[in-house]
Amino acid sequence: MPIAVPGAISPASLAIAQYLAALQHDTELALPNRKVLCFDQLCALTAASCGGTVTFFDTDTRTLEVTQRAAEAQQLSLKTSTLDLKAVAEPLPIDDQTAPTYGTATGIANLVILSDVLADETSAQCLATRVGEAVKLGAWVLLADEKPSCREAFLDLLEVELRHVDCGCPYFDAECAIDQKLSLGWATEVALLRLNSPGYAPALDTGYLSLEERRGFSLPGPVVQVTSQVAES
Protein backbone atom coordinates (compact mmCIF):
# COMPACT_ATOMS: atom_id res chain seq x y z
CA MET A 1 0.00 0.00 0.00
CA PRO A 2 1.87 3.12 -1.20
CA ILE A 3 2.36 6.25 0.85
CA ALA A 4 2.50 9.57 -0.98
CA VAL A 5 2.32 13.26 -0.19
CA PRO A 6 -1.21 14.71 -0.63
CA GLY A 7 -0.21 16.75 -3.66
CA ALA A 8 0.78 13.56 -5.49
CA ILE A 9 -2.68 12.02 -5.18
CA SER A 10 -5.08 12.91 -7.97
CA PRO A 11 -8.17 11.04 -9.18
CA ALA A 12 -6.32 9.97 -12.34
CA SER A 13 -3.27 8.70 -10.46
CA LEU A 14 -5.46 6.84 -7.99
CA ALA A 15 -7.41 5.19 -10.82
CA ILE A 16 -4.18 3.74 -12.22
CA ALA A 17 -3.00 2.75 -8.74
CA GLN A 18 -6.22 0.78 -8.26
CA TYR A 19 -5.82 -0.84 -11.66
CA LEU A 20 -2.21 -1.85 -11.00
CA ALA A 21 -3.13 -3.35 -7.64
CA ALA A 22 -5.87 -5.43 -9.26
CA LEU A 23 -3.47 -6.77 -11.91
CA GLN A 24 -1.39 -8.53 -9.26
CA HIS A 25 -3.81 -11.45 -9.48
CA ASP A 26 -3.23 -11.96 -13.24
CA THR A 27 0.02 -13.74 -14.06
CA GLU A 28 0.05 -12.42 -17.64
CA LEU A 29 -0.54 -8.78 -16.69
CA ALA A 30 1.11 -8.48 -13.27
CA LEU A 31 4.16 -6.23 -12.87
CA PRO A 32 6.91 -8.51 -11.49
CA ASN A 33 9.70 -8.80 -14.09
CA ARG A 34 8.31 -5.82 -16.01
CA LYS A 35 10.18 -2.58 -16.46
CA VAL A 36 8.05 0.49 -15.95
CA LEU A 37 8.51 4.08 -17.10
CA CYS A 38 6.26 6.17 -14.88
CA PHE A 39 5.42 9.87 -15.08
CA ASP A 40 3.29 10.05 -11.92
CA GLN A 41 4.51 9.84 -8.33
CA LEU A 42 1.72 7.76 -6.79
CA CYS A 43 1.65 5.42 -9.78
CA ALA A 44 5.42 4.96 -9.53
CA LEU A 45 5.22 4.02 -5.86
CA THR A 46 2.29 1.69 -6.53
CA ALA A 47 4.05 0.01 -9.47
CA ALA A 48 7.13 -0.52 -7.30
CA SER A 49 5.01 -1.99 -4.49
CA CYS A 50 3.48 -4.37 -7.06
CA GLY A 51 6.92 -5.69 -8.01
CA GLY A 52 7.71 -3.66 -11.12
CA THR A 53 11.20 -2.36 -11.91
CA VAL A 54 10.27 1.32 -11.90
CA THR A 55 11.88 4.52 -13.10
CA PHE A 56 10.01 7.69 -12.14
CA PHE A 57 10.44 10.70 -14.42
CA ASP A 58 9.77 14.37 -13.73
CA THR A 59 11.22 17.75 -14.61
CA ASP A 60 11.29 18.98 -11.01
CA THR A 61 14.27 17.84 -8.93
CA ARG A 62 12.37 18.43 -5.68
CA THR A 63 9.62 16.03 -6.78
CA LEU A 64 12.23 13.46 -7.75
CA GLU A 65 13.91 13.77 -4.33
CA VAL A 66 10.64 13.47 -2.39
CA THR A 67 9.60 10.43 -4.43
CA GLN A 68 12.97 8.75 -3.85
CA ARG A 69 12.67 9.34 -0.08
CA ALA A 70 9.11 8.01 -0.06
CA ALA A 71 10.25 4.86 -1.83
CA GLU A 72 13.18 4.36 0.53
CA ALA A 73 10.92 4.87 3.57
CA GLN A 74 8.71 2.05 2.30
CA GLN A 75 11.65 -0.15 1.28
CA LEU A 76 10.66 0.04 -2.37
CA SER A 77 13.14 -0.20 -5.21
CA LEU A 78 12.69 2.80 -7.48
CA LYS A 79 14.92 4.92 -9.69
CA THR A 80 14.34 8.55 -10.64
CA SER A 81 15.39 10.54 -13.70
CA THR A 82 14.70 13.85 -15.43
CA LEU A 83 12.65 13.86 -18.63
CA ASP A 84 10.26 16.40 -20.15
CA LEU A 85 7.34 14.72 -21.92
CA LYS A 86 6.77 17.82 -24.03
CA ALA A 87 10.35 17.83 -25.31
CA VAL A 88 9.44 15.27 -27.96
CA ALA A 89 12.82 15.60 -29.70
CA GLU A 90 14.32 13.80 -26.70
CA PRO A 91 13.51 10.10 -27.14
CA LEU A 92 11.88 8.01 -24.46
CA PRO A 93 14.48 5.76 -22.78
CA ILE A 94 13.11 2.62 -24.43
CA ASP A 95 15.60 0.40 -26.19
CA ASP A 96 14.72 0.25 -29.87
CA GLN A 97 13.75 -3.10 -31.33
CA THR A 98 14.35 -4.17 -34.90
CA ALA A 99 10.90 -5.77 -35.13
CA PRO A 100 8.63 -4.91 -32.17
CA THR A 101 5.88 -7.43 -31.51
CA TYR A 102 2.76 -5.47 -30.66
CA GLY A 103 0.62 -6.83 -27.87
CA THR A 104 3.39 -8.77 -26.14
CA ALA A 105 5.08 -5.82 -24.41
CA THR A 106 8.51 -7.32 -24.90
CA GLY A 107 10.43 -4.04 -24.92
CA ILE A 108 12.99 -3.04 -22.31
CA ALA A 109 10.34 -0.68 -20.93
CA ASN A 110 7.37 -3.02 -20.77
CA LEU A 111 4.94 -0.43 -19.46
CA VAL A 112 4.61 3.36 -19.74
CA ILE A 113 2.28 5.02 -17.19
CA LEU A 114 0.86 8.54 -17.65
CA SER A 115 -1.77 10.51 -15.75
CA ASP A 116 -3.06 14.09 -15.69
CA VAL A 117 -1.25 14.90 -18.92
CA LEU A 118 -4.05 16.20 -21.20
CA ALA A 119 -4.39 19.70 -19.79
CA ASP A 120 -4.67 21.52 -23.15
CA GLU A 121 -4.35 21.04 -26.90
CA THR A 122 -0.57 21.50 -26.85
CA SER A 123 -0.30 18.74 -24.24
CA ALA A 124 -2.63 16.53 -26.29
CA GLN A 125 -0.42 16.92 -29.34
CA CYS A 126 2.78 16.17 -27.41
CA LEU A 127 1.25 13.18 -25.65
CA ALA A 128 -0.08 11.73 -28.89
CA THR A 129 3.48 11.83 -30.19
CA ARG A 130 4.86 10.28 -26.98
CA VAL A 131 2.27 7.50 -26.75
CA GLY A 132 2.76 6.73 -30.43
CA GLU A 133 6.52 6.59 -29.85
CA ALA A 134 6.12 4.16 -26.94
CA VAL A 135 3.74 1.84 -28.78
CA LYS A 136 5.91 1.77 -31.90
CA LEU A 137 8.71 0.47 -29.68
CA GLY A 138 6.48 -2.31 -28.37
CA ALA A 139 5.56 -0.85 -24.97
CA TRP A 140 2.26 -1.26 -23.12
CA VAL A 141 0.71 2.15 -22.27
CA LEU A 142 -1.69 3.13 -19.47
CA LEU A 143 -3.01 6.68 -19.44
CA ALA A 144 -5.61 8.09 -17.02
CA ASP A 145 -7.45 11.35 -17.60
CA GLU A 146 -9.91 13.24 -15.43
CA LYS A 147 -10.76 16.10 -17.79
CA PRO A 148 -12.52 15.07 -21.02
CA SER A 149 -11.99 18.37 -22.88
CA CYS A 150 -8.87 17.28 -24.80
CA ARG A 151 -9.49 13.55 -25.13
CA GLU A 152 -11.04 13.72 -28.59
CA ALA A 153 -8.20 15.82 -30.00
CA PHE A 154 -5.66 13.50 -28.38
CA LEU A 155 -7.29 10.36 -29.83
CA ASP A 156 -7.53 11.91 -33.30
CA LEU A 157 -3.83 12.77 -33.25
CA LEU A 158 -2.93 9.37 -31.79
CA GLU A 159 -4.79 7.54 -34.55
CA VAL A 160 -2.63 9.40 -37.06
CA GLU A 161 0.53 8.45 -35.14
CA LEU A 162 -0.50 4.78 -35.11
CA ARG A 163 -2.05 4.52 -38.57
CA HIS A 164 0.57 1.98 -39.68
CA VAL A 165 0.78 0.11 -36.37
CA ASP A 166 -1.26 -3.04 -35.79
CA CYS A 167 -1.99 -2.49 -32.09
CA GLY A 168 -5.72 -1.85 -31.93
CA CYS A 169 -7.79 1.31 -32.08
CA PRO A 170 -7.04 3.77 -29.25
CA TYR A 171 -10.01 4.61 -27.05
CA PHE A 172 -10.80 5.53 -23.46
CA ASP A 173 -12.77 3.08 -21.34
CA ALA A 174 -16.05 4.22 -19.84
CA GLU A 175 -15.44 6.56 -16.92
CA CYS A 176 -15.15 4.99 -13.48
CA ALA A 177 -15.92 6.59 -10.14
CA ILE A 178 -12.98 7.41 -7.89
CA ASP A 179 -14.28 8.17 -4.39
CA GLN A 180 -11.98 9.53 -1.68
CA LYS A 181 -14.45 11.74 0.19
CA LEU A 182 -13.41 10.50 3.63
CA SER A 183 -9.62 10.72 3.28
CA LEU A 184 -9.08 13.42 0.66
CA GLY A 185 -12.42 15.21 0.34
CA TRP A 186 -13.27 14.49 -3.29
CA ALA A 187 -15.07 12.10 -5.58
CA THR A 188 -15.00 12.25 -9.38
CA GLU A 189 -14.88 10.20 -12.57
CA VAL A 190 -11.78 9.14 -14.51
CA ALA A 191 -11.26 7.42 -17.85
CA LEU A 192 -8.44 4.97 -18.66
CA LEU A 193 -6.74 4.38 -21.99
CA ARG A 194 -5.11 0.93 -22.15
CA LEU A 195 -3.12 0.50 -25.34
CA ASN A 196 -1.04 -2.42 -26.61
CA SER A 197 -1.55 -4.36 -23.41
CA PRO A 198 -0.12 -7.90 -23.32
CA GLY A 199 -2.21 -10.37 -25.26
CA TYR A 200 -3.91 -8.03 -27.71
CA ALA A 201 -5.56 -10.14 -30.39
CA PRO A 202 -7.90 -9.33 -33.28
CA ALA A 203 -11.64 -9.87 -32.88
CA LEU A 204 -13.56 -10.10 -36.16
CA ASP A 205 -16.26 -7.49 -35.66
CA THR A 206 -15.14 -5.49 -32.65
CA GLY A 207 -11.60 -4.36 -33.40
CA TYR A 208 -8.97 -5.43 -30.90
CA LEU A 209 -9.66 -6.81 -27.46
CA SER A 210 -7.09 -7.14 -24.71
CA LEU A 211 -6.84 -10.13 -22.39
CA GLU A 212 -8.66 -8.21 -19.68
CA GLU A 213 -11.61 -7.54 -21.97
CA ARG A 214 -11.77 -11.05 -23.39
CA ARG A 215 -11.98 -12.36 -19.83
CA GLY A 216 -14.73 -9.90 -18.93
CA PHE A 217 -12.31 -7.84 -16.84
CA SER A 218 -13.70 -4.56 -15.55
CA LEU A 219 -12.00 -1.73 -13.71
CA PRO A 220 -12.09 -2.50 -9.98
CA GLY A 221 -13.47 -0.30 -7.26
CA PRO A 222 -11.22 1.53 -4.77
CA VAL A 223 -8.87 -1.31 -3.86
CA VAL A 224 -5.98 0.94 -2.81
CA GLN A 225 -6.23 2.98 0.35
CA VAL A 226 -3.75 5.84 0.36
CA THR A 227 -2.14 7.24 3.49
CA SER A 228 -1.48 10.86 2.58
CA GLN A 229 1.49 11.56 4.81
CA VAL A 230 5.19 11.28 4.15
CA ALA A 231 7.84 12.28 6.65
CA GLU A 232 10.42 14.65 5.20
CA SER A 233 14.00 14.80 6.31
C-alpha atoms as a PDB file:
ATOM      1  CA  MET A   1       0.000   0.000   0.000  1.00  0.00           C
ATOM      2  CA  PRO A   2       1.875   3.117  -1.197  1.00  0.00           C
ATOM      3  CA  ILE A   3       2.361   6.254   0.848  1.00  0.00           C
ATOM      4  CA  ALA A   4       2.499   9.569  -0.981  1.00  0.00           C
ATOM      5  CA  VAL A   5       2.320  13.262  -0.193  1.00  0.00           C
ATOM      6  CA  PRO A   6      -1.213  14.713  -0.625  1.00  0.00           C
ATOM      7  CA  GLY A   7      -0.211  16.753  -3.665  1.00  0.00           C
ATOM      8  CA  ALA A   8       0.785  13.564  -5.491  1.00  0.00           C
ATOM      9  CA  ILE A   9      -2.677  12.022  -5.178  1.00  0.00           C
ATOM     10  CA  SER A  10      -5.082  12.915  -7.968  1.00  0.00           C
ATOM     11  CA  PRO A  11      -8.165  11.043  -9.181  1.00  0.00           C
ATOM     12  CA  ALA A  12      -6.316   9.966 -12.343  1.00  0.00           C
ATOM     13  CA  SER A  13      -3.267   8.696 -10.465  1.00  0.00           C
ATOM     14  CA  LEU A  14      -5.464   6.837  -7.987  1.00  0.00           C
ATOM     15  CA  ALA A  15      -7.410   5.187 -10.819  1.00  0.00           C
ATOM     16  CA  ILE A  16      -4.184   3.736 -12.224  1.00  0.00           C
ATOM     17  CA  ALA A  17      -3.001   2.749  -8.738  1.00  0.00           C
ATOM     18  CA  GLN A  18      -6.222   0.775  -8.255  1.00  0.00           C
ATOM     19  CA  TYR A  19      -5.818  -0.840 -11.658  1.00  0.00           C
ATOM     20  CA  LEU A  20      -2.208  -1.850 -11.004  1.00  0.00           C
ATOM     21  CA  ALA A  21      -3.134  -3.345  -7.644  1.00  0.00           C
ATOM     22  CA  ALA A  22      -5.866  -5.435  -9.263  1.00  0.00           C
ATOM     23  CA  LEU A  23      -3.466  -6.769 -11.909  1.00  0.00           C
ATOM     24  CA  GLN A  24      -1.385  -8.530  -9.263  1.00  0.00           C
ATOM     25  CA  HIS A  25      -3.815 -11.446  -9.485  1.00  0.00           C
ATOM     26  CA  ASP A  26      -3.231 -11.956 -13.240  1.00  0.00           C
ATOM     27  CA  THR A  27       0.016 -13.742 -14.063  1.00  0.00           C
ATOM     28  CA  GLU A  28       0.049 -12.416 -17.636  1.00  0.00           C
ATOM     29  CA  LEU A  29      -0.541  -8.783 -16.692  1.00  0.00           C
ATOM     30  CA  ALA A  30       1.111  -8.483 -13.269  1.00  0.00           C
ATOM     31  CA  LEU A  31       4.161  -6.233 -12.872  1.00  0.00           C
ATOM     32  CA  PRO A  32       6.906  -8.509 -11.491  1.00  0.00           C
ATOM     33  CA  ASN A  33       9.696  -8.798 -14.087  1.00  0.00           C
ATOM     34  CA  ARG A  34       8.306  -5.822 -16.009  1.00  0.00           C
ATOM     35  CA  LYS A  35      10.182  -2.583 -16.461  1.00  0.00           C
ATOM     36  CA  VAL A  36       8.047   0.490 -15.948  1.00  0.00           C
ATOM     37  CA  LEU A  37       8.510   4.079 -17.099  1.00  0.00           C
ATOM     38  CA  CYS A  38       6.264   6.174 -14.879  1.00  0.00           C
ATOM     39  CA  PHE A  39       5.424   9.870 -15.079  1.00  0.00           C
ATOM     40  CA  ASP A  40       3.293  10.046 -11.925  1.00  0.00           C
ATOM     41  CA  GLN A  41       4.515   9.839  -8.328  1.00  0.00           C
ATOM     42  CA  LEU A  42       1.719   7.764  -6.790  1.00  0.00           C
ATOM     43  CA  CYS A  43       1.653   5.419  -9.781  1.00  0.00           C
ATOM     44  CA  ALA A  44       5.423   4.962  -9.532  1.00  0.00           C
ATOM     45  CA  LEU A  45       5.223   4.016  -5.858  1.00  0.00           C
ATOM     46  CA  THR A  46       2.293   1.686  -6.533  1.00  0.00           C
ATOM     47  CA  ALA A  47       4.050   0.009  -9.471  1.00  0.00           C
ATOM     48  CA  ALA A  48       7.135  -0.519  -7.296  1.00  0.00           C
ATOM     49  CA  SER A  49       5.013  -1.992  -4.493  1.00  0.00           C
ATOM     50  CA  CYS A  50       3.481  -4.375  -7.063  1.00  0.00           C
ATOM     51  CA  GLY A  51       6.918  -5.692  -8.013  1.00  0.00           C
ATOM     52  CA  GLY A  52       7.714  -3.658 -11.118  1.00  0.00           C
ATOM     53  CA  THR A  53      11.198  -2.361 -11.905  1.00  0.00           C
ATOM     54  CA  VAL A  54      10.274   1.319 -11.899  1.00  0.00           C
ATOM     55  CA  THR A  55      11.885   4.520 -13.098  1.00  0.00           C
ATOM     56  CA  PHE A  56      10.007   7.687 -12.138  1.00  0.00           C
ATOM     57  CA  PHE A  57      10.437  10.704 -14.417  1.00  0.00           C
ATOM     58  CA  ASP A  58       9.765  14.370 -13.729  1.00  0.00           C
ATOM     59  CA  THR A  59      11.222  17.751 -14.613  1.00  0.00           C
ATOM     60  CA  ASP A  60      11.292  18.984 -11.006  1.00  0.00           C
ATOM     61  CA  THR A  61      14.272  17.844  -8.928  1.00  0.00           C
ATOM     62  CA  ARG A  62      12.372  18.425  -5.677  1.00  0.00           C
ATOM     63  CA  THR A  63       9.622  16.033  -6.782  1.00  0.00           C
ATOM     64  CA  LEU A  64      12.226  13.460  -7.746  1.00  0.00           C
ATOM     65  CA  GLU A  65      13.910  13.766  -4.333  1.00  0.00           C
ATOM     66  CA  VAL A  66      10.640  13.469  -2.393  1.00  0.00           C
ATOM     67  CA  THR A  67       9.599  10.427  -4.428  1.00  0.00           C
ATOM     68  CA  GLN A  68      12.965   8.754  -3.850  1.00  0.00           C
ATOM     69  CA  ARG A  69      12.670   9.338  -0.084  1.00  0.00           C
ATOM     70  CA  ALA A  70       9.106   8.012  -0.064  1.00  0.00           C
ATOM     71  CA  ALA A  71      10.251   4.861  -1.834  1.00  0.00           C
ATOM     72  CA  GLU A  72      13.181   4.362   0.534  1.00  0.00           C
ATOM     73  CA  ALA A  73      10.924   4.872   3.575  1.00  0.00           C
ATOM     74  CA  GLN A  74       8.713   2.051   2.304  1.00  0.00           C
ATOM     75  CA  GLN A  75      11.655  -0.148   1.282  1.00  0.00           C
ATOM     76  CA  LEU A  76      10.657   0.040  -2.368  1.00  0.00           C
ATOM     77  CA  SER A  77      13.142  -0.201  -5.211  1.00  0.00           C
ATOM     78  CA  LEU A  78      12.686   2.798  -7.478  1.00  0.00           C
ATOM     79  CA  LYS A  79      14.925   4.920  -9.690  1.00  0.00           C
ATOM     80  CA  THR A  80      14.344   8.554 -10.637  1.00  0.00           C
ATOM     81  CA  SER A  81      15.390  10.536 -13.697  1.00  0.00           C
ATOM     82  CA  THR A  82      14.695  13.851 -15.431  1.00  0.00           C
ATOM     83  CA  LEU A  83      12.646  13.856 -18.633  1.00  0.00           C
ATOM     84  CA  ASP A  84      10.257  16.398 -20.151  1.00  0.00           C
ATOM     85  CA  LEU A  85       7.340  14.717 -21.919  1.00  0.00           C
ATOM     86  CA  LYS A  86       6.765  17.824 -24.032  1.00  0.00           C
ATOM     87  CA  ALA A  87      10.351  17.831 -25.311  1.00  0.00           C
ATOM     88  CA  VAL A  88       9.443  15.271 -27.960  1.00  0.00           C
ATOM     89  CA  ALA A  89      12.815  15.600 -29.702  1.00  0.00           C
ATOM     90  CA  GLU A  90      14.321  13.801 -26.700  1.00  0.00           C
ATOM     91  CA  PRO A  91      13.511  10.097 -27.142  1.00  0.00           C
ATOM     92  CA  LEU A  92      11.878   8.013 -24.455  1.00  0.00           C
ATOM     93  CA  PRO A  93      14.480   5.758 -22.779  1.00  0.00           C
ATOM     94  CA  ILE A  94      13.107   2.622 -24.426  1.00  0.00           C
ATOM     95  CA  ASP A  95      15.599   0.399 -26.190  1.00  0.00           C
ATOM     96  CA  ASP A  96      14.723   0.245 -29.868  1.00  0.00           C
ATOM     97  CA  GLN A  97      13.749  -3.098 -31.325  1.00  0.00           C
ATOM     98  CA  THR A  98      14.350  -4.171 -34.903  1.00  0.00           C
ATOM     99  CA  ALA A  99      10.904  -5.766 -35.127  1.00  0.00           C
ATOM    100  CA  PRO A 100       8.626  -4.907 -32.168  1.00  0.00           C
ATOM    101  CA  THR A 101       5.875  -7.430 -31.515  1.00  0.00           C
ATOM    102  CA  TYR A 102       2.759  -5.475 -30.660  1.00  0.00           C
ATOM    103  CA  GLY A 103       0.623  -6.830 -27.866  1.00  0.00           C
ATOM    104  CA  THR A 104       3.393  -8.769 -26.143  1.00  0.00           C
ATOM    105  CA  ALA A 105       5.080  -5.818 -24.413  1.00  0.00           C
ATOM    106  CA  THR A 106       8.512  -7.324 -24.896  1.00  0.00           C
ATOM    107  CA  GLY A 107      10.431  -4.039 -24.921  1.00  0.00           C
ATOM    108  CA  ILE A 108      12.987  -3.039 -22.309  1.00  0.00           C
ATOM    109  CA  ALA A 109      10.338  -0.680 -20.932  1.00  0.00           C
ATOM    110  CA  ASN A 110       7.370  -3.024 -20.771  1.00  0.00           C
ATOM    111  CA  LEU A 111       4.939  -0.433 -19.463  1.00  0.00           C
ATOM    112  CA  VAL A 112       4.609   3.357 -19.739  1.00  0.00           C
ATOM    113  CA  ILE A 113       2.284   5.025 -17.195  1.00  0.00           C
ATOM    114  CA  LEU A 114       0.863   8.537 -17.653  1.00  0.00           C
ATOM    115  CA  SER A 115      -1.765  10.512 -15.752  1.00  0.00           C
ATOM    116  CA  ASP A 116      -3.059  14.092 -15.687  1.00  0.00           C
ATOM    117  CA  VAL A 117      -1.254  14.900 -18.921  1.00  0.00           C
ATOM    118  CA  LEU A 118      -4.046  16.202 -21.198  1.00  0.00           C
ATOM    119  CA  ALA A 119      -4.393  19.704 -19.794  1.00  0.00           C
ATOM    120  CA  ASP A 120      -4.666  21.521 -23.150  1.00  0.00           C
ATOM    121  CA  GLU A 121      -4.349  21.042 -26.898  1.00  0.00           C
ATOM    122  CA  THR A 122      -0.575  21.499 -26.848  1.00  0.00           C
ATOM    123  CA  SER A 123      -0.303  18.742 -24.237  1.00  0.00           C
ATOM    124  CA  ALA A 124      -2.633  16.535 -26.286  1.00  0.00           C
ATOM    125  CA  GLN A 125      -0.419  16.922 -29.336  1.00  0.00           C
ATOM    126  CA  CYS A 126       2.776  16.171 -27.412  1.00  0.00           C
ATOM    127  CA  LEU A 127       1.250  13.177 -25.649  1.00  0.00           C
ATOM    128  CA  ALA A 128      -0.083  11.726 -28.889  1.00  0.00           C
ATOM    129  CA  THR A 129       3.480  11.825 -30.193  1.00  0.00           C
ATOM    130  CA  ARG A 130       4.859  10.281 -26.976  1.00  0.00           C
ATOM    131  CA  VAL A 131       2.271   7.504 -26.751  1.00  0.00           C
ATOM    132  CA  GLY A 132       2.764   6.735 -30.426  1.00  0.00           C
ATOM    133  CA  GLU A 133       6.522   6.593 -29.851  1.00  0.00           C
ATOM    134  CA  ALA A 134       6.116   4.165 -26.940  1.00  0.00           C
ATOM    135  CA  VAL A 135       3.743   1.842 -28.780  1.00  0.00           C
ATOM    136  CA  LYS A 136       5.911   1.766 -31.904  1.00  0.00           C
ATOM    137  CA  LEU A 137       8.710   0.471 -29.676  1.00  0.00           C
ATOM    138  CA  GLY A 138       6.481  -2.314 -28.370  1.00  0.00           C
ATOM    139  CA  ALA A 139       5.558  -0.854 -24.966  1.00  0.00           C
ATOM    140  CA  TRP A 140       2.261  -1.256 -23.122  1.00  0.00           C
ATOM    141  CA  VAL A 141       0.715   2.147 -22.265  1.00  0.00           C
ATOM    142  CA  LEU A 142      -1.686   3.126 -19.469  1.00  0.00           C
ATOM    143  CA  LEU A 143      -3.011   6.680 -19.436  1.00  0.00           C
ATOM    144  CA  ALA A 144      -5.612   8.091 -17.022  1.00  0.00           C
ATOM    145  CA  ASP A 145      -7.449  11.354 -17.595  1.00  0.00           C
ATOM    146  CA  GLU A 146      -9.911  13.235 -15.426  1.00  0.00           C
ATOM    147  CA  LYS A 147     -10.758  16.101 -17.786  1.00  0.00           C
ATOM    148  CA  PRO A 148     -12.520  15.071 -21.017  1.00  0.00           C
ATOM    149  CA  SER A 149     -11.986  18.372 -22.882  1.00  0.00           C
ATOM    150  CA  CYS A 150      -8.867  17.280 -24.805  1.00  0.00           C
ATOM    151  CA  ARG A 151      -9.485  13.550 -25.126  1.00  0.00           C
ATOM    152  CA  GLU A 152     -11.039  13.719 -28.594  1.00  0.00           C
ATOM    153  CA  ALA A 153      -8.196  15.816 -30.004  1.00  0.00           C
ATOM    154  CA  PHE A 154      -5.658  13.498 -28.383  1.00  0.00           C
ATOM    155  CA  LEU A 155      -7.290  10.364 -29.825  1.00  0.00           C
ATOM    156  CA  ASP A 156      -7.532  11.908 -33.304  1.00  0.00           C
ATOM    157  CA  LEU A 157      -3.829  12.766 -33.250  1.00  0.00           C
ATOM    158  CA  LEU A 158      -2.928   9.369 -31.790  1.00  0.00           C
ATOM    159  CA  GLU A 159      -4.792   7.539 -34.550  1.00  0.00           C
ATOM    160  CA  VAL A 160      -2.631   9.403 -37.064  1.00  0.00           C
ATOM    161  CA  GLU A 161       0.530   8.451 -35.141  1.00  0.00           C
ATOM    162  CA  LEU A 162      -0.499   4.780 -35.105  1.00  0.00           C
ATOM    163  CA  ARG A 163      -2.045   4.523 -38.568  1.00  0.00           C
ATOM    164  CA  HIS A 164       0.566   1.984 -39.683  1.00  0.00           C
ATOM    165  CA  VAL A 165       0.784   0.114 -36.367  1.00  0.00           C
ATOM    166  CA  ASP A 166      -1.257  -3.045 -35.786  1.00  0.00           C
ATOM    167  CA  CYS A 167      -1.992  -2.487 -32.094  1.00  0.00           C
ATOM    168  CA  GLY A 168      -5.723  -1.854 -31.933  1.00  0.00           C
ATOM    169  CA  CYS A 169      -7.789   1.305 -32.082  1.00  0.00           C
ATOM    170  CA  PRO A 170      -7.035   3.768 -29.249  1.00  0.00           C
ATOM    171  CA  TYR A 171     -10.015   4.609 -27.054  1.00  0.00           C
ATOM    172  CA  PHE A 172     -10.798   5.526 -23.462  1.00  0.00           C
ATOM    173  CA  ASP A 173     -12.772   3.083 -21.338  1.00  0.00           C
ATOM    174  CA  ALA A 174     -16.050   4.220 -19.838  1.00  0.00           C
ATOM    175  CA  GLU A 175     -15.442   6.561 -16.918  1.00  0.00           C
ATOM    176  CA  CYS A 176     -15.150   4.991 -13.482  1.00  0.00           C
ATOM    177  CA  ALA A 177     -15.925   6.595 -10.144  1.00  0.00           C
ATOM    178  CA  ILE A 178     -12.980   7.405  -7.887  1.00  0.00           C
ATOM    179  CA  ASP A 179     -14.281   8.174  -4.393  1.00  0.00           C
ATOM    180  CA  GLN A 180     -11.985   9.527  -1.684  1.00  0.00           C
ATOM    181  CA  LYS A 181     -14.452  11.738   0.190  1.00  0.00           C
ATOM    182  CA  LEU A 182     -13.409  10.499   3.626  1.00  0.00           C
ATOM    183  CA  SER A 183      -9.623  10.717   3.279  1.00  0.00           C
ATOM    184  CA  LEU A 184      -9.083  13.424   0.660  1.00  0.00           C
ATOM    185  CA  GLY A 185     -12.420  15.207   0.341  1.00  0.00           C
ATOM    186  CA  TRP A 186     -13.267  14.494  -3.292  1.00  0.00           C
ATOM    187  CA  ALA A 187     -15.074  12.099  -5.585  1.00  0.00           C
ATOM    188  CA  THR A 188     -14.997  12.255  -9.376  1.00  0.00           C
ATOM    189  CA  GLU A 189     -14.879  10.201 -12.571  1.00  0.00           C
ATOM    190  CA  VAL A 190     -11.776   9.143 -14.506  1.00  0.00           C
ATOM    191  CA  ALA A 191     -11.256   7.419 -17.851  1.00  0.00           C
ATOM    192  CA  LEU A 192      -8.444   4.973 -18.660  1.00  0.00           C
ATOM    193  CA  LEU A 193      -6.744   4.377 -21.986  1.00  0.00           C
ATOM    194  CA  ARG A 194      -5.113   0.929 -22.149  1.00  0.00           C
ATOM    195  CA  LEU A 195      -3.116   0.504 -25.340  1.00  0.00           C
ATOM    196  CA  ASN A 196      -1.042  -2.419 -26.607  1.00  0.00           C
ATOM    197  CA  SER A 197      -1.546  -4.360 -23.407  1.00  0.00           C
ATOM    198  CA  PRO A 198      -0.123  -7.902 -23.320  1.00  0.00           C
ATOM    199  CA  GLY A 199      -2.212 -10.372 -25.262  1.00  0.00           C
ATOM    200  CA  TYR A 200      -3.913  -8.034 -27.707  1.00  0.00           C
ATOM    201  CA  ALA A 201      -5.556 -10.141 -30.391  1.00  0.00           C
ATOM    202  CA  PRO A 202      -7.904  -9.334 -33.276  1.00  0.00           C
ATOM    203  CA  ALA A 203     -11.640  -9.872 -32.882  1.00  0.00           C
ATOM    204  CA  LEU A 204     -13.558 -10.100 -36.161  1.00  0.00           C
ATOM    205  CA  ASP A 205     -16.261  -7.485 -35.663  1.00  0.00           C
ATOM    206  CA  THR A 206     -15.141  -5.487 -32.654  1.00  0.00           C
ATOM    207  CA  GLY A 207     -11.601  -4.355 -33.396  1.00  0.00           C
ATOM    208  CA  TYR A 208      -8.967  -5.428 -30.899  1.00  0.00           C
ATOM    209  CA  LEU A 209      -9.657  -6.807 -27.460  1.00  0.00           C
ATOM    210  CA  SER A 210      -7.088  -7.143 -24.711  1.00  0.00           C
ATOM    211  CA  LEU A 211      -6.836 -10.135 -22.391  1.00  0.00           C
ATOM    212  CA  GLU A 212      -8.664  -8.205 -19.680  1.00  0.00           C
ATOM    213  CA  GLU A 213     -11.614  -7.542 -21.970  1.00  0.00           C
ATOM    214  CA  ARG A 214     -11.772 -11.050 -23.392  1.00  0.00           C
ATOM    215  CA  ARG A 215     -11.984 -12.357 -19.832  1.00  0.00           C
ATOM    216  CA  GLY A 216     -14.725  -9.904 -18.935  1.00  0.00           C
ATOM    217  CA  PHE A 217     -12.310  -7.840 -16.844  1.00  0.00           C
ATOM    218  CA  SER A 218     -13.698  -4.557 -15.549  1.00  0.00           C
ATOM    219  CA  LEU A 219     -11.997  -1.726 -13.714  1.00  0.00           C
ATOM    220  CA  PRO A 220     -12.086  -2.503  -9.980  1.00  0.00           C
ATOM    221  CA  GLY A 221     -13.471  -0.302  -7.261  1.00  0.00           C
ATOM    222  CA  PRO A 222     -11.220   1.527  -4.770  1.00  0.00           C
ATOM    223  CA  VAL A 223      -8.871  -1.310  -3.861  1.00  0.00           C
ATOM    224  CA  VAL A 224      -5.976   0.942  -2.815  1.00  0.00           C
ATOM    225  CA  GLN A 225      -6.233   2.983   0.349  1.00  0.00           C
ATOM    226  CA  VAL A 226      -3.752   5.838   0.364  1.00  0.00           C
ATOM    227  CA  THR A 227      -2.143   7.240   3.491  1.00  0.00           C
ATOM    228  CA  SER A 228      -1.478  10.864   2.576  1.00  0.00           C
ATOM    229  CA  GLN A 229       1.488  11.561   4.814  1.00  0.00           C
ATOM    230  CA  VAL A 230       5.193  11.284   4.154  1.00  0.00           C
ATOM    231  CA  ALA A 231       7.844  12.279   6.651  1.00  0.00           C
ATOM    232  CA  GLU A 232      10.415  14.646   5.204  1.00  0.00           C
ATOM    233  CA  SER A 233      14.000  14.796   6.312  1.00  0.00           C
END
